[in-house]
C-alpha atoms as a PDB file:
ATOM      1  CA  MET A   1      80.120 116.094 104.167  1.00  0.00           C
ATOM      2  CA  PRO A   2      78.701 117.045 100.746  1.00  0.00           C
ATOM      3  CA  SER A   3      80.564 114.279  98.874  1.00  0.00           C
ATOM      4  CA  PHE A   4      78.915 111.631 101.046  1.00  0.00           C
ATOM      5  CA  ASP A   5      75.381 112.931 101.440  1.00  0.00           C
ATOM      6  CA  GLY A   6      72.259 111.300 100.026  1.00  0.00           C
ATOM      7  CA  LEU A   7      72.624 109.180  96.917  1.00  0.00           C
ATOM      8  CA  ALA A   8      76.241 110.336  96.569  1.00  0.00           C
ATOM      9  CA  GLY A   9      77.129 108.333  99.670  1.00  0.00           C
ATOM     10  CA  GLY A  10      75.632 105.191  98.187  1.00  0.00           C
ATOM     11  CA  ALA A  11      77.494 105.857  94.941  1.00  0.00           C
ATOM     12  CA  VAL A  12      80.779 106.238  96.828  1.00  0.00           C
ATOM     13  CA  ILE A  13      80.341 102.808  98.405  1.00  0.00           C
ATOM     14  CA  ALA A  14      79.220 101.173  95.162  1.00  0.00           C
ATOM     15  CA  LEU A  15      82.151 102.606  93.186  1.00  0.00           C
ATOM     16  CA  ALA A  16      84.629 101.692  95.923  1.00  0.00           C
ATOM     17  CA  VAL A  17      83.450  98.080  95.886  1.00  0.00           C
ATOM     18  CA  ALA A  18      83.539  98.028  92.086  1.00  0.00           C
ATOM     19  CA  LEU A  19      87.141  99.265  92.137  1.00  0.00           C
ATOM     20  CA  ASP A  20      88.072  96.579  94.637  1.00  0.00           C
ATOM     21  CA  PHE A  21      86.359  93.907  92.513  1.00  0.00           C
ATOM     22  CA  GLY A  22      88.271  95.094  89.474  1.00  0.00           C
ATOM     23  CA  LEU A  23      91.670  96.103  90.827  1.00  0.00           C
ATOM     24  CA  GLY A  24      92.090  94.533  94.241  1.00  0.00           C
ATOM     25  CA  ASP A  25      95.159  95.979  95.995  1.00  0.00           C
ATOM     26  CA  PRO A  26      97.895  96.331  93.356  1.00  0.00           C
ATOM     27  CA  PRO A  27     101.405  95.844  94.826  1.00  0.00           C
ATOM     28  CA  GLY A  28     103.358  99.057  95.074  1.00  0.00           C
ATOM     29  CA  TRP A  29     100.337 101.351  95.133  1.00  0.00           C
ATOM     30  CA  PRO A  30     100.225 103.751  98.094  1.00  0.00           C
ATOM     31  CA  HIS A  31      97.871 102.449 100.762  1.00  0.00           C
ATOM     32  CA  PRO A  32      96.810 104.011 104.094  1.00  0.00           C
ATOM     33  CA  VAL A  33      97.182 100.695 105.930  1.00  0.00           C
ATOM     34  CA  ARG A  34     100.875 100.586 105.028  1.00  0.00           C
ATOM     35  CA  TRP A  35     101.291 104.094 106.412  1.00  0.00           C
ATOM     36  CA  MET A  36      99.450 103.064 109.567  1.00  0.00           C
ATOM     37  CA  GLY A  37     101.721 100.056 109.921  1.00  0.00           C
ATOM     38  CA  ALA A  38     104.805 102.214 109.548  1.00  0.00           C
ATOM     39  CA  ALA A  39     103.487 104.625 112.195  1.00  0.00           C
ATOM     40  CA  ILE A  40     102.802 101.745 114.612  1.00  0.00           C
ATOM     41  CA  THR A  41     106.278 100.308 114.099  1.00  0.00           C
ATOM     42  CA  ALA A  42     107.949 103.687 114.613  1.00  0.00           C
ATOM     43  CA  PHE A  43     105.919 104.448 117.745  1.00  0.00           C
ATOM     44  CA  GLU A  44     106.633 101.033 119.260  1.00  0.00           C
ATOM     45  CA  ARG A  45     110.355 101.393 118.594  1.00  0.00           C
ATOM     46  CA  LEU A  46     110.323 104.809 120.272  1.00  0.00           C
ATOM     47  CA  VAL A  47     108.398 103.552 123.294  1.00  0.00           C
ATOM     48  CA  ARG A  48     110.514 100.459 123.898  1.00  0.00           C
ATOM     49  CA  ARG A  49     113.682 102.539 124.023  1.00  0.00           C
ATOM     50  CA  ARG A  50     112.220 104.530 126.923  1.00  0.00           C
ATOM     51  CA  VAL A  51     109.669 102.340 128.713  1.00  0.00           C
ATOM     52  CA  GLN A  52     110.134  98.913 130.292  1.00  0.00           C
ATOM     53  CA  SER A  53     107.535  98.654 133.057  1.00  0.00           C
ATOM     54  CA  PRO A  54     104.248  96.807 132.360  1.00  0.00           C
ATOM     55  CA  ARG A  55     102.261  99.833 133.517  1.00  0.00           C
ATOM     56  CA  GLY A  56     104.180 102.155 131.236  1.00  0.00           C
ATOM     57  CA  LEU A  57     103.777  99.803 128.281  1.00  0.00           C
ATOM     58  CA  ARG A  58     100.034  99.567 128.887  1.00  0.00           C
ATOM     59  CA  ALA A  59      99.754 103.370 128.980  1.00  0.00           C
ATOM     60  CA  ALA A  60     101.818 103.814 125.825  1.00  0.00           C
ATOM     61  CA  GLY A  61      99.847 101.075 124.059  1.00  0.00           C
ATOM     62  CA  ALA A  62      96.580 102.793 125.012  1.00  0.00           C
ATOM     63  CA  VAL A  63      97.845 106.092 123.582  1.00  0.00           C
ATOM     64  CA  LEU A  64      98.683 104.338 120.319  1.00  0.00           C
ATOM     65  CA  ALA A  65      95.473 102.280 120.131  1.00  0.00           C
ATOM     66  CA  VAL A  66      93.226 105.313 120.645  1.00  0.00           C
ATOM     67  CA  GLY A  67      95.401 108.028 119.149  1.00  0.00           C
ATOM     68  CA  LEU A  68      96.022 106.395 115.768  1.00  0.00           C
ATOM     69  CA  PRO A  69      92.337 106.032 114.759  1.00  0.00           C
ATOM     70  CA  VAL A  70      91.501 109.485 116.119  1.00  0.00           C
ATOM     71  CA  LEU A  71      94.362 111.058 114.170  1.00  0.00           C
ATOM     72  CA  THR A  72      93.379 109.065 111.083  1.00  0.00           C
ATOM     73  CA  TRP A  73      89.785 110.289 111.335  1.00  0.00           C
ATOM     74  CA  LEU A  74      90.882 113.908 111.775  1.00  0.00           C
ATOM     75  CA  LEU A  75      93.277 113.827 108.818  1.00  0.00           C
ATOM     76  CA  ALA A  76      90.766 112.070 106.560  1.00  0.00           C
ATOM     77  CA  THR A  77      87.974 114.471 107.533  1.00  0.00           C
ATOM     78  CA  ALA A  78      90.193 117.481 106.877  1.00  0.00           C
ATOM     79  CA  ALA A  79      91.316 116.120 103.512  1.00  0.00           C
ATOM     80  CA  LEU A  80      87.742 115.422 102.420  1.00  0.00           C
ATOM     81  CA  ALA A  81      86.582 118.887 103.511  1.00  0.00           C
ATOM     82  CA  LEU A  82      89.456 120.551 101.651  1.00  0.00           C
ATOM     83  CA  ALA A  83      88.800 118.512  98.515  1.00  0.00           C
ATOM     84  CA  ALA A  84      85.079 119.330  98.606  1.00  0.00           C
ATOM     85  CA  ALA A  85      85.923 123.020  99.023  1.00  0.00           C
ATOM     86  CA  VAL A  86      88.035 122.907  95.861  1.00  0.00           C
ATOM     87  CA  HIS A  87      85.154 121.320  93.938  1.00  0.00           C
ATOM     88  CA  PRO A  88      82.371 118.857  94.865  1.00  0.00           C
ATOM     89  CA  PHE A  89      83.582 116.419  92.197  1.00  0.00           C
ATOM     90  CA  VAL A  90      87.106 116.495  93.644  1.00  0.00           C
ATOM     91  CA  GLY A  91      85.628 115.699  97.042  1.00  0.00           C
ATOM     92  CA  PHE A  92      83.611 112.849  95.545  1.00  0.00           C
ATOM     93  CA  VAL A  93      86.664 111.351  93.823  1.00  0.00           C
ATOM     94  CA  LEU A  94      88.711 111.535  97.018  1.00  0.00           C
ATOM     95  CA  ALA A  95      85.874 109.916  98.987  1.00  0.00           C
ATOM     96  CA  VAL A  96      85.727 107.047  96.499  1.00  0.00           C
ATOM     97  CA  SER A  97      89.520 106.658  96.612  1.00  0.00           C
ATOM     98  CA  MET A  98      89.553 106.527 100.407  1.00  0.00           C
ATOM     99  CA  ALA A  99      86.632 104.119 100.565  1.00  0.00           C
ATOM    100  CA  TYR A 100      88.268 101.845  97.989  1.00  0.00           C
ATOM    101  CA  THR A 101      91.350 101.414 100.194  1.00  0.00           C
ATOM    102  CA  CYS A 102      89.165 100.203 103.076  1.00  0.00           C
ATOM    103  CA  VAL A 103      87.638  97.186 101.295  1.00  0.00           C
ATOM    104  CA  SER A 104      89.756  94.102 100.604  1.00  0.00           C
ATOM    105  CA  LEU A 105      87.413  91.478  99.179  1.00  0.00           C
ATOM    106  CA  LYS A 106      89.329  90.655  95.999  1.00  0.00           C
ATOM    107  CA  GLY A 107      92.663  90.507  97.805  1.00  0.00           C
ATOM    108  CA  LEU A 108      91.248  88.155 100.422  1.00  0.00           C
ATOM    109  CA  ALA A 109      89.586  85.889  97.866  1.00  0.00           C
ATOM    110  CA  GLY A 110      92.745  85.807  95.780  1.00  0.00           C
ATOM    111  CA  ALA A 111      95.011  84.950  98.715  1.00  0.00           C
ATOM    112  CA  VAL A 112      92.747  82.117  99.861  1.00  0.00           C
ATOM    113  CA  SER A 113      92.336  80.844  96.289  1.00  0.00           C
ATOM    114  CA  THR A 114      96.117  80.612  95.959  1.00  0.00           C
ATOM    115  CA  VAL A 115      96.224  78.260  98.954  1.00  0.00           C
ATOM    116  CA  GLY A 116      93.526  76.098  97.388  1.00  0.00           C
ATOM    117  CA  ALA A 117      95.334  75.977  94.042  1.00  0.00           C
ATOM    118  CA  HIS A 118      98.517  74.704  95.682  1.00  0.00           C
ATOM    119  CA  LEU A 119      96.552  72.076  97.584  1.00  0.00           C
ATOM    120  CA  ARG A 120      94.794  70.849  94.455  1.00  0.00           C
ATOM    121  CA  SER A 121      98.130  70.425  92.693  1.00  0.00           C
ATOM    122  CA  GLY A 122      99.633  68.556  95.636  1.00  0.00           C
ATOM    123  CA  ASP A 123     102.193  71.296  96.337  1.00  0.00           C
ATOM    124  CA  LEU A 124     102.236  71.265 100.156  1.00  0.00           C
ATOM    125  CA  GLU A 125     105.275  73.533 100.434  1.00  0.00           C
ATOM    126  CA  GLY A 126     103.631  76.110  98.207  1.00  0.00           C
ATOM    127  CA  ALA A 127     100.382  75.798 100.173  1.00  0.00           C
ATOM    128  CA  ARG A 128     102.228  76.288 103.460  1.00  0.00           C
ATOM    129  CA  ALA A 129     103.982  79.375 102.122  1.00  0.00           C
ATOM    130  CA  ALA A 130     100.704  80.783 100.761  1.00  0.00           C
ATOM    131  CA  VAL A 131      98.700  80.193 103.920  1.00  0.00           C
ATOM    132  CA  ALA A 132     101.474  81.780 106.010  1.00  0.00           C
ATOM    133  CA  HIS A 133     100.541  85.107 104.381  1.00  0.00           C
ATOM    134  CA  ILE A 134      96.986  85.030 105.734  1.00  0.00           C
ATOM    135  CA  VAL A 135      97.235  83.396 109.182  1.00  0.00           C
ATOM    136  CA  GLY A 136      99.215  84.146 112.317  1.00  0.00           C
ATOM    137  CA  ARG A 137     100.001  80.572 113.326  1.00  0.00           C
ATOM    138  CA  GLU A 138     103.125  78.614 112.445  1.00  0.00           C
ATOM    139  CA  THR A 139     102.623  76.788 109.156  1.00  0.00           C
ATOM    140  CA  GLU A 140     105.865  74.858 108.530  1.00  0.00           C
ATOM    141  CA  ALA A 141     104.517  71.518 109.781  1.00  0.00           C
ATOM    142  CA  LEU A 142     100.865  71.764 108.696  1.00  0.00           C
ATOM    143  CA  ASP A 143      99.440  68.885 106.682  1.00  0.00           C
ATOM    144  CA  ALA A 144      96.947  69.321 103.835  1.00  0.00           C
ATOM    145  CA  GLN A 145      93.872  69.174 106.073  1.00  0.00           C
ATOM    146  CA  GLU A 146      95.332  71.693 108.511  1.00  0.00           C
ATOM    147  CA  ILE A 147      96.283  74.039 105.687  1.00  0.00           C
ATOM    148  CA  ALA A 148      92.766  73.821 104.230  1.00  0.00           C
ATOM    149  CA  GLY A 149      91.247  74.482 107.640  1.00  0.00           C
ATOM    150  CA  ALA A 150      93.480  77.490 108.213  1.00  0.00           C
ATOM    151  CA  ALA A 151      92.522  78.909 104.815  1.00  0.00           C
ATOM    152  CA  VAL A 152      88.800  78.469 105.454  1.00  0.00           C
ATOM    153  CA  GLU A 153      89.099  80.066 108.899  1.00  0.00           C
ATOM    154  CA  SER A 154      90.997  83.022 107.429  1.00  0.00           C
ATOM    155  CA  ALA A 155      88.434  83.467 104.658  1.00  0.00           C
ATOM    156  CA  ALA A 156      85.603  83.550 107.195  1.00  0.00           C
ATOM    157  CA  GLU A 157      87.227  85.804 109.795  1.00  0.00           C
ATOM    158  CA  ASN A 158      88.639  88.247 107.255  1.00  0.00           C
ATOM    159  CA  THR A 159      85.295  88.530 105.497  1.00  0.00           C
ATOM    160  CA  SER A 160      84.270  90.253 108.714  1.00  0.00           C
ATOM    161  CA  ASP A 161      87.434  92.309 109.300  1.00  0.00           C
ATOM    162  CA  GLY A 162      88.194  93.186 105.681  1.00  0.00           C
ATOM    163  CA  VAL A 163      84.751  93.479 104.120  1.00  0.00           C
ATOM    164  CA  THR A 164      81.708  93.664 106.405  1.00  0.00           C
ATOM    165  CA  ALA A 165      83.215  95.908 109.077  1.00  0.00           C
ATOM    166  CA  PRO A 166      84.691  98.594 106.791  1.00  0.00           C
ATOM    167  CA  LEU A 167      81.504  98.613 104.709  1.00  0.00           C
ATOM    168  CA  LEU A 168      79.405  99.072 107.851  1.00  0.00           C
ATOM    169  CA  TYR A 169      81.543 101.981 109.024  1.00  0.00           C
ATOM    170  CA  LEU A 170      81.490 103.451 105.531  1.00  0.00           C
ATOM    171  CA  ALA A 171      77.708 103.382 105.610  1.00  0.00           C
ATOM    172  CA  LEU A 172      77.529 104.875 109.104  1.00  0.00           C
ATOM    173  CA  GLY A 173      80.195 107.557 108.926  1.00  0.00           C
ATOM    174  CA  GLY A 174      81.824 107.718 105.525  1.00  0.00           C
ATOM    175  CA  PRO A 175      85.442 107.157 104.482  1.00  0.00           C
ATOM    176  CA  ALA A 176      86.915 108.909 107.520  1.00  0.00           C
ATOM    177  CA  LEU A 177      85.192 106.534 109.947  1.00  0.00           C
ATOM    178  CA  ALA A 178      86.058 103.511 107.792  1.00  0.00           C
ATOM    179  CA  LEU A 179      89.727 104.537 107.780  1.00  0.00           C
ATOM    180  CA  ALA A 180      89.606 105.009 111.555  1.00  0.00           C
ATOM    181  CA  TYR A 181      88.317 101.443 111.801  1.00  0.00           C
ATOM    182  CA  LYS A 182      91.175 100.262 109.584  1.00  0.00           C
ATOM    183  CA  ALA A 183      93.588 101.944 112.005  1.00  0.00           C
ATOM    184  CA  VAL A 184      92.025 100.019 114.905  1.00  0.00           C
ATOM    185  CA  ASN A 185      92.186  96.740 112.984  1.00  0.00           C
ATOM    186  CA  THR A 186      95.757  97.330 111.813  1.00  0.00           C
ATOM    187  CA  ALA A 187      96.942  98.025 115.358  1.00  0.00           C
ATOM    188  CA  ASP A 188      95.289  94.828 116.564  1.00  0.00           C
ATOM    189  CA  SER A 189      96.849  92.781 113.770  1.00  0.00           C
ATOM    190  CA  MET A 190     100.319  94.088 114.660  1.00  0.00           C
ATOM    191  CA  ILE A 191     100.345  94.346 118.458  1.00  0.00           C
ATOM    192  CA  GLY A 192      97.084  92.846 119.744  1.00  0.00           C
ATOM    193  CA  TYR A 193      98.625  89.573 120.916  1.00  0.00           C
ATOM    194  CA  ARG A 194      98.646  87.800 124.281  1.00  0.00           C
ATOM    195  CA  ASP A 195     102.287  86.758 124.145  1.00  0.00           C
ATOM    196  CA  THR A 196     105.049  88.066 126.397  1.00  0.00           C
ATOM    197  CA  ARG A 197     106.003  90.901 124.067  1.00  0.00           C
ATOM    198  CA  TYR A 198     102.546  92.387 123.581  1.00  0.00           C
ATOM    199  CA  ALA A 199     100.454  91.334 126.595  1.00  0.00           C
ATOM    200  CA  ASP A 200     100.802  94.860 128.016  1.00  0.00           C
ATOM    201  CA  PHE A 201     101.588  97.067 125.033  1.00  0.00           C
ATOM    202  CA  GLY A 202      98.852  95.563 122.849  1.00  0.00           C
ATOM    203  CA  ARG A 203      96.113  95.165 125.452  1.00  0.00           C
ATOM    204  CA  THR A 204      94.067  98.243 124.539  1.00  0.00           C
ATOM    205  CA  ALA A 205      94.473  97.616 120.798  1.00  0.00           C
ATOM    206  CA  ALA A 206      93.037  94.112 121.172  1.00  0.00           C
ATOM    207  CA  ARG A 207      90.123  95.243 123.320  1.00  0.00           C
ATOM    208  CA  LEU A 208      89.262  98.175 121.056  1.00  0.00           C
ATOM    209  CA  ASP A 209      89.294  95.872 118.027  1.00  0.00           C
ATOM    210  CA  ASP A 210      87.006  93.418 119.846  1.00  0.00           C
ATOM    211  CA  PHE A 211      84.584  96.271 120.539  1.00  0.00           C
ATOM    212  CA  CYS A 212      84.608  97.600 116.971  1.00  0.00           C
ATOM    213  CA  ASN A 213      84.089  94.144 115.471  1.00  0.00           C
ATOM    214  CA  TRP A 214      81.353  92.926 117.808  1.00  0.00           C
ATOM    215  CA  ILE A 215      78.492  93.835 115.462  1.00  0.00           C
ATOM    216  CA  PRO A 216      80.311  93.186 112.139  1.00  0.00           C
ATOM    217  CA  ALA A 217      81.276  89.647 113.188  1.00  0.00           C
ATOM    218  CA  ARG A 218      77.688  88.729 113.919  1.00  0.00           C
ATOM    219  CA  LEU A 219      76.452  90.409 110.750  1.00  0.00           C
ATOM    220  CA  THR A 220      79.047  88.421 108.797  1.00  0.00           C
ATOM    221  CA  ALA A 221      77.761  85.176 110.284  1.00  0.00           C
ATOM    222  CA  LEU A 222      74.248  86.074 109.099  1.00  0.00           C
ATOM    223  CA  LEU A 223      75.565  86.998 105.653  1.00  0.00           C
ATOM    224  CA  LEU A 224      77.404  83.656 105.439  1.00  0.00           C
ATOM    225  CA  VAL A 225      74.201  81.847 106.384  1.00  0.00           C
ATOM    226  CA  LEU A 226      72.364  83.673 103.592  1.00  0.00           C
ATOM    227  CA  ALA A 227      75.244  83.159 101.138  1.00  0.00           C
ATOM    228  CA  ALA A 228      75.270  79.436 101.904  1.00  0.00           C
ATOM    229  CA  ALA A 229      71.534  79.162 101.289  1.00  0.00           C
ATOM    230  CA  LEU A 230      71.746  81.124  98.029  1.00  0.00           C
ATOM    231  CA  SER A 231      74.705  79.118  96.720  1.00  0.00           C
ATOM    232  CA  GLY A 232      73.259  75.676  97.372  1.00  0.00           C
ATOM    233  CA  GLN A 233      75.360  75.020 100.444  1.00  0.00           C
ATOM    234  CA  SER A 234      73.987  74.445 103.932  1.00  0.00           C
ATOM    235  CA  GLY A 235      72.406  77.630 105.217  1.00  0.00           C
ATOM    236  CA  ARG A 236      70.725  75.640 107.976  1.00  0.00           C
ATOM    237  CA  GLY A 237      74.046  74.057 108.941  1.00  0.00           C
ATOM    238  CA  ALA A 238      75.697  77.483 109.037  1.00  0.00           C
ATOM    239  CA  TRP A 239      72.968  78.848 111.299  1.00  0.00           C
ATOM    240  CA  ARG A 240      73.102  75.896 113.677  1.00  0.00           C
ATOM    241  CA  ALA A 241      76.886  75.867 113.922  1.00  0.00           C
ATOM    242  CA  ALA A 242      77.063  79.622 114.561  1.00  0.00           C
ATOM    243  CA  ARG A 243      74.475  79.447 117.333  1.00  0.00           C
ATOM    244  CA  ARG A 244      75.981  76.331 118.899  1.00  0.00           C
ATOM    245  CA  ASP A 245      79.739  76.849 118.552  1.00  0.00           C
ATOM    246  CA  ALA A 246      80.560  80.565 118.135  1.00  0.00           C
ATOM    247  CA  ARG A 247      80.771  81.331 121.851  1.00  0.00           C
ATOM    248  CA  MET A 248      83.265  78.510 122.436  1.00  0.00           C
ATOM    249  CA  HIS A 249      85.939  80.402 120.472  1.00  0.00           C
ATOM    250  CA  ASP A 250      88.510  82.247 122.583  1.00  0.00           C
ATOM    251  CA  SER A 251      87.755  85.393 120.582  1.00  0.00           C
ATOM    252  CA  PRO A 252      84.429  87.152 121.264  1.00  0.00           C
ATOM    253  CA  ASN A 253      84.036  87.747 117.530  1.00  0.00           C
ATOM    254  CA  ALA A 254      86.005  85.369 115.305  1.00  0.00           C
ATOM    255  CA  GLY A 255      83.936  82.345 116.304  1.00  0.00           C
ATOM    256  CA  TRP A 256      80.809  83.701 114.616  1.00  0.00           C
ATOM    257  CA  PRO A 257      81.971  83.791 110.978  1.00  0.00           C
ATOM    258  CA  GLU A 258      84.240  80.761 111.452  1.00  0.00           C
ATOM    259  CA  ALA A 259      81.474  78.614 112.941  1.00  0.00           C
ATOM    260  CA  ALA A 260      79.048  79.735 110.236  1.00  0.00           C
ATOM    261  CA  ALA A 261      81.571  78.788 107.545  1.00  0.00           C
ATOM    262  CA  ALA A 262      82.190  75.411 109.168  1.00  0.00           C
ATOM    263  CA  GLY A 263      78.476  74.649 109.222  1.00  0.00           C
ATOM    264  CA  ALA A 264      77.929  75.890 105.680  1.00  0.00           C
ATOM    265  CA  LEU A 265      80.721  73.702 104.314  1.00  0.00           C
ATOM    266  CA  GLY A 266      80.068  70.714 106.558  1.00  0.00           C
ATOM    267  CA  VAL A 267      83.606  70.664 107.972  1.00  0.00           C
ATOM    268  CA  THR A 268      85.296  70.866 111.354  1.00  0.00           C
ATOM    269  CA  LEU A 269      87.466  73.911 112.076  1.00  0.00           C
ATOM    270  CA  GLY A 270      89.559  74.968 115.056  1.00  0.00           C
ATOM    271  CA  GLY A 271      91.498  72.570 117.239  1.00  0.00           C
ATOM    272  CA  PRO A 272      95.168  72.852 118.297  1.00  0.00           C
ATOM    273  CA  ALA A 273      97.425  75.362 116.542  1.00  0.00           C
ATOM    274  CA  THR A 274     100.975  76.568 117.188  1.00  0.00           C
ATOM    275  CA  TYR A 275     101.665  80.253 117.817  1.00  0.00           C
ATOM    276  CA  GLY A 276     105.136  81.477 118.677  1.00  0.00           C
ATOM    277  CA  GLY A 277     106.370  77.986 119.424  1.00  0.00           C
ATOM    278  CA  ALA A 278     103.528  77.215 121.847  1.00  0.00           C
ATOM    279  CA  VAL A 279     100.591  74.961 121.059  1.00  0.00           C
ATOM    280  CA  ARG A 280      97.256  76.653 121.765  1.00  0.00           C
ATOM    281  CA  THR A 281      94.159  74.571 122.372  1.00  0.00           C
ATOM    282  CA  ARG A 282      91.253  76.031 120.431  1.00  0.00           C
ATOM    283  CA  ALA A 283      87.579  75.137 120.393  1.00  0.00           C
ATOM    284  CA  VAL A 284      86.334  72.787 117.685  1.00  0.00           C
ATOM    285  CA  LEU A 285      83.765  74.480 115.434  1.00  0.00           C
ATOM    286  CA  GLY A 286      81.310  72.582 113.266  1.00  0.00           C
ATOM    287  CA  SER A 287      81.384  69.435 115.381  1.00  0.00           C
ATOM    288  CA  GLY A 288      80.308  66.404 113.399  1.00  0.00           C
ATOM    289  CA  GLY A 289      81.669  67.762 110.129  1.00  0.00           C
ATOM    290  CA  GLY A 290      84.400  66.214 108.024  1.00  0.00           C
ATOM    291  CA  ALA A 291      88.023  67.267 107.645  1.00  0.00           C
ATOM    292  CA  PRO A 292      88.629  70.297 105.398  1.00  0.00           C
ATOM    293  CA  ALA A 293      90.157  69.727 101.962  1.00  0.00           C
ATOM    294  CA  ALA A 294      91.067  71.743  98.866  1.00  0.00           C
ATOM    295  CA  GLU A 295      87.490  71.626  97.589  1.00  0.00           C
ATOM    296  CA  HIS A 296      86.291  73.317 100.781  1.00  0.00           C
ATOM    297  CA  VAL A 297      88.789  76.129 100.274  1.00  0.00           C
ATOM    298  CA  ALA A 298      87.280  76.812  96.846  1.00  0.00           C
ATOM    299  CA  ARG A 299      83.771  76.709  98.290  1.00  0.00           C
ATOM    300  CA  ALA A 300      84.814  79.062 101.096  1.00  0.00           C
ATOM    301  CA  VAL A 301      86.061  81.538  98.480  1.00  0.00           C
ATOM    302  CA  ARG A 302      82.662  81.418  96.755  1.00  0.00           C
ATOM    303  CA  LEU A 303      80.977  82.063 100.106  1.00  0.00           C
ATOM    304  CA  THR A 304      83.323  85.006 100.691  1.00  0.00           C
ATOM    305  CA  TRP A 305      82.511  86.567  97.327  1.00  0.00           C
ATOM    306  CA  LEU A 306      78.780  86.162  97.797  1.00  0.00           C
ATOM    307  CA  ALA A 307      78.751  87.348 101.412  1.00  0.00           C
ATOM    308  CA  GLY A 308      80.885  90.330 100.405  1.00  0.00           C
ATOM    309  CA  GLY A 309      78.500  91.214  97.603  1.00  0.00           C
ATOM    310  CA  LEU A 310      75.570  91.006 100.003  1.00  0.00           C
ATOM    311  CA  ALA A 311      77.428  93.197 102.501  1.00  0.00           C
ATOM    312  CA  ALA A 312      78.076  95.790  99.794  1.00  0.00           C
ATOM    313  CA  GLY A 313      74.415  95.856  98.811  1.00  0.00           C
ATOM    314  CA  CYS A 314      73.359  96.258 102.442  1.00  0.00           C
ATOM    315  CA  ALA A 315      75.895  99.069 102.957  1.00  0.00           C
ATOM    316  CA  VAL A 316      74.618 101.018  99.958  1.00  0.00           C
ATOM    317  CA  PHE A 317      71.019 100.582 101.107  1.00  0.00           C
ATOM    318  CA  LEU A 318      71.886 101.627 104.662  1.00  0.00           C
ATOM    319  CA  ARG A 319      73.772 104.732 103.498  1.00  0.00           C
ATOM    320  CA  VAL A 320      70.890 105.882 101.300  1.00  0.00           C
ATOM    321  CA  ALA A 321      68.328 105.063 103.992  1.00  0.00           C
ATOM    322  CA  LEU A 322      70.257 107.027 106.625  1.00  0.00           C
ATOM    323  CA  ALA A 323      70.493 110.015 104.296  1.00  0.00           C
END
């Protein structure tokens, strides 16, 4: 597309990241992910009124998991083509606007920083409430160390899902492909669970998200290693922990950035966590490290910012190189 060719494509990515750095995701602004979430909720409600069998739920879930990103890509591609036909500058502005909605570095850093601020002030209730916004586990009974660990894990994993992955797909295929990825990731975050409700309906969404994040998760681990080395933290520890511990995680992807963060910060992550009233045994990442604390949350935020900046630079370079 003309608005994403050559140097213009690199400029789209750079401006999108700059907008995210400056504005984040202002509450109340229209956002494609919210529309995707509404579509997922409406489709699930429709399906569950008509389908009860596991086979039927798996089929309907597959239609949703594949159909939503395909439809998103088609609509975004059509909108960009129409805007470019009106005027190249209109197409460029729309491309930047779309790309901006795909990157969530400032929002992630801000949410994790809020958890750390509550911990530093000794406000455990506030910290529990804040961390509940960024993790899927139950947080009501978490102590300070568990809250800090959850925040660090979220910072690491979401650096991959919310920063590296969309930037990679922006570089490879422009805003339409990045939005399609966001549709995949949104479906996984809403229905890609192994519990009784979603084991069938969310199966394809979870597997498709695993596939789409396979490369970004490993790239994020490398970026965290480099960020740790550049920021005076343990790049060597991040590298060793990622190589040693990442594959022990029950997710094929999340273990890579989480293990790298654990090694960089010199802490232990993972261990038991409660989801839906059931305690899940999780691998321990960063074995030999200390217990996480508020200071590690702040350091994890710095790693997230630096790794995100590195990812943005790599995405711009890749887009220009591909053009």
